[in-house]
C-alpha atoms as a PDB file:
ATOM      1  CA  SER A   1       0.189  -0.009  -0.029  1.00  0.00           C
ATOM      2  CA  ASP A   2       0.993   3.706  -0.151  1.00  0.00           C
ATOM      3  CA  ASP A   3       1.655   3.646   3.373  1.00  0.00           C
ATOM      4  CA  VAL A   4       4.150   0.876   3.173  1.00  0.00           C
ATOM      5  CA  SER A   5       5.900   2.299   0.258  1.00  0.00           C
ATOM      6  CA  ALA A   6       6.286   5.671   2.167  1.00  0.00           C
ATOM      7  CA  PHE A   7       7.570   4.141   5.314  1.00  0.00           C
ATOM      8  CA  VAL A   8      10.173   1.964   3.449  1.00  0.00           C
ATOM      9  CA  ALA A   9      11.166   5.290   1.219  1.00  0.00           C
ATOM     10  CA  GLY A  10      11.737   6.907   4.379  1.00  0.00           C
ATOM     11  CA  TRP A  11      13.674   4.238   6.346  1.00  0.00           C
ATOM     12  CA  ARG A  12      16.453   5.799   8.033  1.00  0.00           C
ATOM     13  CA  HIS A  13      15.689   9.240   6.571  1.00  0.00           C
ATOM     14  CA  GLU A  14      16.993  11.810   8.774  1.00  0.00           C
ATOM     15  CA  ASN A  15      16.041  15.469   8.814  1.00  0.00           C
ATOM     16  CA  LEU A  16      18.538  18.123  10.163  1.00  0.00           C
ATOM     17  CA  VAL A  17      17.722  21.691  10.996  1.00  0.00           C
ATOM     18  CA  ASN A  18      21.010  23.637  11.527  1.00  0.00           C
ATOM     19  CA  GLY A  19      22.555  20.523  12.575  1.00  0.00           C
ATOM     20  CA  VAL A  20      19.700  19.470  14.816  1.00  0.00           C
ATOM     21  CA  ARG A  21      17.595  16.384  14.120  1.00  0.00           C
ATOM     22  CA  ALA A  22      13.942  17.589  14.197  1.00  0.00           C
ATOM     23  CA  GLY A  23      10.722  16.136  13.271  1.00  0.00           C
ATOM     24  CA  ASP A  24       8.091  17.889  11.099  1.00  0.00           C
ATOM     25  CA  LEU A  25       5.264  16.940   8.740  1.00  0.00           C
ATOM     26  CA  SER A  26       7.616  15.825   6.019  1.00  0.00           C
ATOM     27  CA  THR A  27       9.360  13.554   8.212  1.00  0.00           C
ATOM     28  CA  ARG A  28       6.098  12.376   9.531  1.00  0.00           C
ATOM     29  CA  SER A  29       4.768  11.550   5.845  1.00  0.00           C
ATOM     30  CA  LEU A  30       8.308   9.612   5.745  1.00  0.00           C
ATOM     31  CA  GLY A  31       7.203   7.309   8.405  1.00  0.00           C
ATOM     32  CA  ASP A  32       8.552   9.454  11.461  1.00  0.00           C
ATOM     33  CA  LEU A  33       5.762   8.555  13.666  1.00  0.00           C
ATOM     34  CA  ASN A  34       7.265   9.739  16.981  1.00  0.00           C
ATOM     35  CA  MET A  35       8.408  13.114  15.250  1.00  0.00           C
ATOM     36  CA  ASP A  36      12.132  12.706  16.503  1.00  0.00           C
ATOM     37  CA  GLY A  37      13.460  13.447  12.842  1.00  0.00           C
ATOM     38  CA  ILE A  38      14.316  10.060  11.965  1.00  0.00           C
ATOM     39  CA  THR A  39      12.327   6.992  10.748  1.00  0.00           C
ATOM     40  CA  ASN A  40      13.912   4.087  12.506  1.00  0.00           C
ATOM     41  CA  LEU A  41      12.667   0.900  14.775  1.00  0.00           C
ATOM     42  CA  GLN A  42      11.100   3.398  17.134  1.00  0.00           C
ATOM     43  CA  ASP A  43       8.746   4.251  14.260  1.00  0.00           C
ATOM     44  CA  TRP A  44       7.988   0.730  13.190  1.00  0.00           C
ATOM     45  CA  THR A  45       7.240  -0.080  16.889  1.00  0.00           C
ATOM     46  CA  ILE A  46       4.763   2.602  17.121  1.00  0.00           C
ATOM     47  CA  LEU A  47       3.178   1.610  13.712  1.00  0.00           C
ATOM     48  CA  ASN A  48       2.836  -2.306  15.034  1.00  0.00           C
ATOM     49  CA  VAL A  49       1.129  -1.365  18.146  1.00  0.00           C
ATOM     50  CA  ALA A  50      -1.246   0.814  15.941  1.00  0.00           C
ATOM     51  CA  ASN A  51      -1.463  -1.517  13.037  1.00  0.00           C
ATOM     52  CA  PRO A  52       0.153  -5.039  13.214  1.00  0.00           C
ATOM     53  CA  GLN A  53      -0.964  -6.267   9.882  1.00  0.00           C
ATOM     54  CA  LEU A  54       0.694  -2.974   8.160  1.00  0.00           C
ATOM     55  CA  ALA A  55       3.782  -3.423  10.195  1.00  0.00           C
ATOM     56  CA  SER A  56       4.186  -6.856   8.996  1.00  0.00           C
ATOM     57  CA  SER A  57       3.787  -5.546   5.475  1.00  0.00           C
ATOM     58  CA  VAL A  58       6.695  -3.202   6.207  1.00  0.00           C
ATOM     59  CA  SER A  59       8.515  -5.443   7.871  1.00  0.00           C
ATOM     60  CA  ASN A  60       8.666  -7.883   4.754  1.00  0.00           C
ATOM     61  CA  ALA A  61       9.195  -4.871   2.233  1.00  0.00           C
ATOM     62  CA  LEU A  62      12.496  -3.696   4.329  1.00  0.00           C
ATOM     63  CA  ALA A  63      13.545  -7.311   4.427  1.00  0.00           C
ATOM     64  CA  SER A  64      13.691  -7.051   0.356  1.00  0.00           C
ATOM     65  CA  VAL A  65      15.753  -3.978   0.568  1.00  0.00           C
ATOM     66  CA  PRO A  66      19.365  -5.277   0.159  1.00  0.00           C
ATOM     67  CA  GLU A  67      21.733  -3.851   2.928  1.00  0.00           C
ATOM     68  CA  PRO A  68      24.591  -1.542   1.469  1.00  0.00           C
ATOM     69  CA  THR A  69      27.521  -3.540   3.261  1.00  0.00           C
ATOM     70  CA  LEU A  70      26.363  -6.662   1.383  1.00  0.00           C
ATOM     71  CA  GLY A  71      26.745  -4.992  -2.007  1.00  0.00           C
ATOM     72  CA  LEU A  72      29.949  -3.839  -1.249  1.00  0.00           C
ATOM     73  CA  LEU A  73      31.141  -7.282   0.227  1.00  0.00           C
ATOM     74  CA  THR A  74      30.030  -8.679  -2.850  1.00  0.00           C
ATOM     75  CA  THR A  75      31.725  -6.137  -4.995  1.00  0.00           C
ATOM     76  CA  LEU A  76      34.957  -6.581  -3.353  1.00  0.00           C
ATOM     77  CA  ILE A  77      34.742 -10.256  -3.703  1.00  0.00           C
ATOM     78  CA  GLY A  78      34.321  -9.788  -7.580  1.00  0.00           C
ATOM     79  CA  VAL A  79      37.087  -7.564  -7.652  1.00  0.00           C
ATOM     80  CA  ALA A  80      39.197  -9.920  -5.739  1.00  0.00           C
ATOM     81  CA  ALA A  81      38.455 -12.677  -8.157  1.00  0.00           C
ATOM     82  CA  VAL A  82      39.190 -10.744 -11.194  1.00  0.00           C
ATOM     83  CA  VAL A  83      42.461  -9.710  -9.660  1.00  0.00           C
ATOM     84  CA  ALA A  84      43.250 -13.333  -8.810  1.00  0.00           C
ATOM     85  CA  LEU A  85      42.317 -14.596 -12.232  1.00  0.00           C
ATOM     86  CA  ALA A  86      44.522 -12.095 -14.028  1.00  0.00           C
ATOM     87  CA  ARG A  87      47.964 -12.835 -11.860  1.00  0.00           C
ATOM     88  CA  ARG A  88      47.513 -16.466 -13.325  1.00  0.00           C
END
């Protein structure tokens, strides 16, 4: 649903105003339910209490988003393999 997409799109989004993290209507639309300026597990917990079915959908959608470090690790392994083959 659109709410799930918005929450996933806003995941780990941080709103800084003059170097201070602050929540506002724009962060709320990205899933910042506690208005602390970042969409994180605290917001998911609020969502889970309010609507467990929607929170489950968010959890499933977030699980399908690859972790950036996994992408980096895969790239490094690929580069190492190419270098090893080139040295032969």
